[in-house]
Structures are given as structure tokens and as C-alpha cells.
Amino acid sequence: MPKALSEAAIRQYRDEGYYFPVPVLTADETLALRQKLEGFESSQGHPLDGA
């Protein structure tokens, strides 16, 4: 299995107990999902309230 983290990232995880940030979406994917969410919110007449 190939390594996903660099040696520096592994060191940070070992030193700090976490590694951040971990990119999971491209900028284009993020934009597309945001537009989809905003379209849904617009169709509802308001943004989601987080409840």
C-alpha cells in the first residue's frame, strides 16, 4: 500500500497527535458541492439552520 503522508506529516502526527489539513476534495469538487447546496437553500427560501 503506498504512503499517503509525507515523512514530515507523519512526524507532525507523532509529535502533535493530529495532522491537518487533509485535502479530500479538489477546488472544482468543492465549488460544485457548494453550488448544489446554495441551489437547494435557495429553493427552500432560506439557508439551512444547522438543526
PDB file of N, CA and C in Angstrom:
ATOM      1  N   MET A   1       0.838  -1.171   0.000  1.00  0.00           N
ATOM      2  CA  MET A   1       0.000   0.000   0.000  1.00  0.00           C
ATOM      3  C   MET A   1       0.891   1.245   0.000  1.00  0.00           C
ATOM      4  N   PRO A   2       0.674   2.179  -0.920  1.00  0.00           N
ATOM      5  CA  PRO A   2       1.509   3.371  -0.982  1.00  0.00           C
ATOM      6  C   PRO A   2       1.232   4.306   0.198  1.00  0.00           C
ATOM      7  N   LYS A   3       2.255   5.046   0.570  1.00  0.00           N
ATOM      8  CA  LYS A   3       2.105   6.019   1.648  1.00  0.00           C
ATOM      9  C   LYS A   3       1.315   7.220   1.156  1.00  0.00           C
ATOM     10  N   ALA A   4       0.407   7.706   1.977  1.00  0.00           N
ATOM     11  CA  ALA A   4      -0.372   8.886   1.629  1.00  0.00           C
ATOM     12  C   ALA A   4       0.198  10.135   2.291  1.00  0.00           C
ATOM     13  N   LEU A   5       0.958   9.960   3.353  1.00  0.00           N
ATOM     14  CA  LEU A   5       1.518  11.101   4.080  1.00  0.00           C
ATOM     15  C   LEU A   5       3.032  11.159   3.897  1.00  0.00           C
ATOM     16  N   SER A   6       3.533  12.371   3.850  1.00  0.00           N
ATOM     17  CA  SER A   6       4.983  12.563   3.757  1.00  0.00           C
ATOM     18  C   SER A   6       5.622  12.252   5.123  1.00  0.00           C
ATOM     19  N   GLU A   7       6.921  12.138   5.129  1.00  0.00           N
ATOM     20  CA  GLU A   7       7.628  11.917   6.393  1.00  0.00           C
ATOM     21  C   GLU A   7       7.369  13.071   7.363  1.00  0.00           C
ATOM     22  N   ALA A   8       7.312  14.301   6.840  1.00  0.00           N
ATOM     23  CA  ALA A   8       7.044  15.470   7.687  1.00  0.00           C
ATOM     24  C   ALA A   8       5.649  15.392   8.302  1.00  0.00           C
ATOM     25  N   ALA A   9       4.679  14.932   7.518  1.00  0.00           N
ATOM     26  CA  ALA A   9       3.307  14.796   8.022  1.00  0.00           C
ATOM     27  C   ALA A   9       3.242  13.724   9.105  1.00  0.00           C
ATOM     28  N   ILE A  10       3.933  12.634   8.889  1.00  0.00           N
ATOM     29  CA  ILE A  10       3.967  11.570   9.892  1.00  0.00           C
ATOM     30  C   ILE A  10       4.615  12.064  11.173  1.00  0.00           C
ATOM     31  N   ARG A  11       5.690  12.825  11.033  1.00  0.00           N
ATOM     32  CA  ARG A  11       6.363  13.397  12.193  1.00  0.00           C
ATOM     33  C   ARG A  11       5.422  14.321  12.959  1.00  0.00           C
ATOM     34  N   GLN A  12       4.682  15.170  12.209  1.00  0.00           N
ATOM     35  CA  GLN A  12       3.742  16.081  12.869  1.00  0.00           C
ATOM     36  C   GLN A  12       2.679  15.290  13.628  1.00  0.00           C
ATOM     37  N   TYR A  13       2.183  14.230  13.012  1.00  0.00           N
ATOM     38  CA  TYR A  13       1.167  13.407  13.672  1.00  0.00           C
ATOM     39  C   TYR A  13       1.731  12.791  14.950  1.00  0.00           C
ATOM     40  N   ARG A  14       2.920  12.290  14.873  1.00  0.00           N
ATOM     41  CA  ARG A  14       3.537  11.677  16.058  1.00  0.00           C
ATOM     42  C   ARG A  14       3.808  12.709  17.147  1.00  0.00           C
ATOM     43  N   ASP A  15       4.214  13.915  16.750  1.00  0.00           N
ATOM     44  CA  ASP A  15       4.516  14.971  17.720  1.00  0.00           C
ATOM     45  C   ASP A  15       3.262  15.622  18.297  1.00  0.00           C
ATOM     46  N   GLU A  16       2.280  15.883  17.434  1.00  0.00           N
ATOM     47  CA  GLU A  16       1.110  16.655  17.840  1.00  0.00           C
ATOM     48  C   GLU A  16      -0.127  15.796  18.131  1.00  0.00           C
ATOM     49  N   GLY A  17      -0.165  14.588  17.595  1.00  0.00           N
ATOM     50  CA  GLY A  17      -1.326  13.729  17.792  1.00  0.00           C
ATOM     51  C   GLY A  17      -2.417  13.930  16.755  1.00  0.00           C
ATOM     52  N   TYR A  18      -2.161  14.783  15.779  1.00  0.00           N
ATOM     53  CA  TYR A  18      -3.115  15.011  14.686  1.00  0.00           C
ATOM     54  C   TYR A  18      -2.354  15.515  13.471  1.00  0.00           C
ATOM     55  N   TYR A  19      -2.980  15.424  12.333  1.00  0.00           N
ATOM     56  CA  TYR A  19      -2.410  16.002  11.110  1.00  0.00           C
ATOM     57  C   TYR A  19      -3.502  16.771  10.397  1.00  0.00           C
ATOM     58  N   PHE A  20      -3.212  18.015  10.065  1.00  0.00           N
ATOM     59  CA  PHE A  20      -4.185  18.905   9.432  1.00  0.00           C
ATOM     60  C   PHE A  20      -3.446  19.835   8.501  1.00  0.00           C
ATOM     61  N   PRO A  21      -3.988  20.186   7.374  1.00  0.00           N
ATOM     62  CA  PRO A  21      -5.243  19.728   6.765  1.00  0.00           C
ATOM     63  C   PRO A  21      -5.011  18.500   5.894  1.00  0.00           C
ATOM     64  N   VAL A  22      -6.052  17.726   5.711  1.00  0.00           N
ATOM     65  CA  VAL A  22      -6.015  16.580   4.811  1.00  0.00           C
ATOM     66  C   VAL A  22      -6.970  16.890   3.669  1.00  0.00           C
ATOM     67  N   PRO A  23      -6.451  17.217   2.488  1.00  0.00           N
ATOM     68  CA  PRO A  23      -7.324  17.560   1.373  1.00  0.00           C
ATOM     69  C   PRO A  23      -8.088  16.320   0.896  1.00  0.00           C
ATOM     70  N   VAL A  24      -9.408  16.443   0.825  1.00  0.00           N
ATOM     71  CA  VAL A  24     -10.222  15.313   0.370  1.00  0.00           C
ATOM     72  C   VAL A  24     -11.007  15.633  -0.893  1.00  0.00           C
ATOM     73  N   LEU A  25     -11.186  16.917  -1.196  1.00  0.00           N
ATOM     74  CA  LEU A  25     -11.889  17.335  -2.402  1.00  0.00           C
ATOM     75  C   LEU A  25     -11.032  18.340  -3.159  1.00  0.00           C
ATOM     76  N   THR A  26     -11.135  18.309  -4.480  1.00  0.00           N
ATOM     77  CA  THR A  26     -10.459  19.326  -5.282  1.00  0.00           C
ATOM     78  C   THR A  26     -11.242  20.637  -5.180  1.00  0.00           C
ATOM     79  N   ALA A  27     -10.659  21.714  -5.621  1.00  0.00           N
ATOM     80  CA  ALA A  27     -11.346  23.007  -5.625  1.00  0.00           C
ATOM     81  C   ALA A  27     -12.606  22.940  -6.494  1.00  0.00           C
ATOM     82  N   ASP A  28     -12.525  22.252  -7.630  1.00  0.00           N
ATOM     83  CA  ASP A  28     -13.697  22.118  -8.509  1.00  0.00           C
ATOM     84  C   ASP A  28     -14.816  21.318  -7.841  1.00  0.00           C
ATOM     85  N   GLU A  29     -14.462  20.247  -7.141  1.00  0.00           N
ATOM     86  CA  GLU A  29     -15.470  19.454  -6.430  1.00  0.00           C
ATOM     87  C   GLU A  29     -16.132  20.273  -5.322  1.00  0.00           C
ATOM     88  N   THR A  30     -15.323  21.034  -4.605  1.00  0.00           N
ATOM     89  CA  THR A  30     -15.843  21.883  -3.536  1.00  0.00           C
ATOM     90  C   THR A  30     -16.806  22.917  -4.093  1.00  0.00           C
ATOM     91  N   LEU A  31     -16.428  23.557  -5.187  1.00  0.00           N
ATOM     92  CA  LEU A  31     -17.289  24.555  -5.814  1.00  0.00           C
ATOM     93  C   LEU A  31     -18.606  23.941  -6.275  1.00  0.00           C
ATOM     94  N   ALA A  32     -18.546  22.790  -6.902  1.00  0.00           N
ATOM     95  CA  ALA A  32     -19.756  22.133  -7.391  1.00  0.00           C
ATOM     96  C   ALA A  32     -20.697  21.779  -6.238  1.00  0.00           C
ATOM     97  N   LEU A  33     -20.149  21.269  -5.150  1.00  0.00           N
ATOM     98  CA  LEU A  33     -20.984  20.931  -3.996  1.00  0.00           C
ATOM     99  C   LEU A  33     -21.565  22.177  -3.332  1.00  0.00           C
ATOM    100  N   ARG A  34     -20.774  23.231  -3.258  1.00  0.00           N
ATOM    101  CA  ARG A  34     -21.294  24.472  -2.675  1.00  0.00           C
ATOM    102  C   ARG A  34     -22.438  25.032  -3.517  1.00  0.00           C
ATOM    103  N   GLN A  35     -22.279  25.006  -4.833  1.00  0.00           N
ATOM    104  CA  GLN A  35     -23.341  25.497  -5.711  1.00  0.00           C
ATOM    105  C   GLN A  35     -24.607  24.655  -5.562  1.00  0.00           C
ATOM    106  N   LYS A  36     -24.442  23.366  -5.412  1.00  0.00           N
ATOM    107  CA  LYS A  36     -25.592  22.481  -5.224  1.00  0.00           C
ATOM    108  C   LYS A  36     -26.302  22.801  -3.905  1.00  0.00           C
ATOM    109  N   LEU A  37     -25.540  22.993  -2.847  1.00  0.00           N
ATOM    110  CA  LEU A  37     -26.112  23.352  -1.550  1.00  0.00           C
ATOM    111  C   LEU A  37     -26.825  24.695  -1.618  1.00  0.00           C
ATOM    112  N   GLU A  38     -26.184  25.691  -2.222  1.00  0.00           N
ATOM    113  CA  GLU A  38     -26.803  27.010  -2.314  1.00  0.00           C
ATOM    114  C   GLU A  38     -28.068  26.967  -3.167  1.00  0.00           C
ATOM    115  N   GLY A  39     -28.086  26.138  -4.206  1.00  0.00           N
ATOM    116  CA  GLY A  39     -29.290  25.974  -5.017  1.00  0.00           C
ATOM    117  C   GLY A  39     -30.424  25.377  -4.198  1.00  0.00           C
ATOM    118  N   PHE A  40     -30.113  24.373  -3.383  1.00  0.00           N
ATOM    119  CA  PHE A  40     -31.119  23.766  -2.515  1.00  0.00           C
ATOM    120  C   PHE A  40     -31.639  24.792  -1.513  1.00  0.00           C
ATOM    121  N   GLU A  41     -30.717  25.511  -0.871  1.00  0.00           N
ATOM    122  CA  GLU A  41     -31.136  26.521   0.114  1.00  0.00           C
ATOM    123  C   GLU A  41     -32.038  27.558  -0.535  1.00  0.00           C
ATOM    124  N   SER A  42     -31.681  27.985  -1.737  1.00  0.00           N
ATOM    125  CA  SER A  42     -32.479  28.967  -2.458  1.00  0.00           C
ATOM    126  C   SER A  42     -33.883  28.432  -2.741  1.00  0.00           C
ATOM    127  N   SER A  43     -33.978  27.146  -3.086  1.00  0.00           N
ATOM    128  CA  SER A  43     -35.293  26.540  -3.370  1.00  0.00           C
ATOM    129  C   SER A  43     -36.157  26.451  -2.113  1.00  0.00           C
ATOM    130  N   GLN A  44     -35.509  26.471  -0.951  1.00  0.00           N
ATOM    131  CA  GLN A  44     -36.233  26.403   0.319  1.00  0.00           C
ATOM    132  C   GLN A  44     -36.600  27.790   0.842  1.00  0.00           C
ATOM    133  N   GLY A  45     -35.983  28.815   0.241  1.00  0.00           N
ATOM    134  CA  GLY A  45     -36.247  30.198   0.655  1.00  0.00           C
ATOM    135  C   GLY A  45     -35.389  30.681   1.805  1.00  0.00           C
ATOM    136  N   HIS A  46     -34.456  29.835   2.246  1.00  0.00           N
ATOM    137  CA  HIS A  46     -33.574  30.232   3.364  1.00  0.00           C
ATOM    138  C   HIS A  46     -32.415  29.252   3.449  1.00  0.00           C
ATOM    139  N   PRO A  47     -31.312  29.678   4.083  1.00  0.00           N
ATOM    140  CA  PRO A  47     -30.199  28.736   4.279  1.00  0.00           C
ATOM    141  C   PRO A  47     -30.557  27.705   5.341  1.00  0.00           C
ATOM    142  N   LEU A  48     -29.852  26.593   5.329  1.00  0.00           N
ATOM    143  CA  LEU A  48     -30.045  25.596   6.368  1.00  0.00           C
ATOM    144  C   LEU A  48     -29.620  26.182   7.707  1.00  0.00           C
ATOM    145  N   ASP A  49     -30.316  25.834   8.768  1.00  0.00           N
ATOM    146  CA  ASP A  49     -30.004  26.418  10.073  1.00  0.00           C
ATOM    147  C   ASP A  49     -29.120  25.558  10.949  1.00  0.00           C
ATOM    148  N   GLY A  50     -28.718  24.406  10.464  1.00  0.00           N
ATOM    149  CA  GLY A  50     -27.806  23.556  11.214  1.00  0.00           C
ATOM    150  C   GLY A  50     -28.495  22.681  12.254  1.00  0.00           C
ATOM    151  N   ALA A  51     -29.816  22.763  12.327  1.00  0.00           N
ATOM    152  CA  ALA A  51     -30.533  21.966  13.332  1.00  0.00           C
ATOM    153  C   ALA A  51     -30.695  20.536  12.898  1.00  0.00           C
TER     154      ALA A  51
END
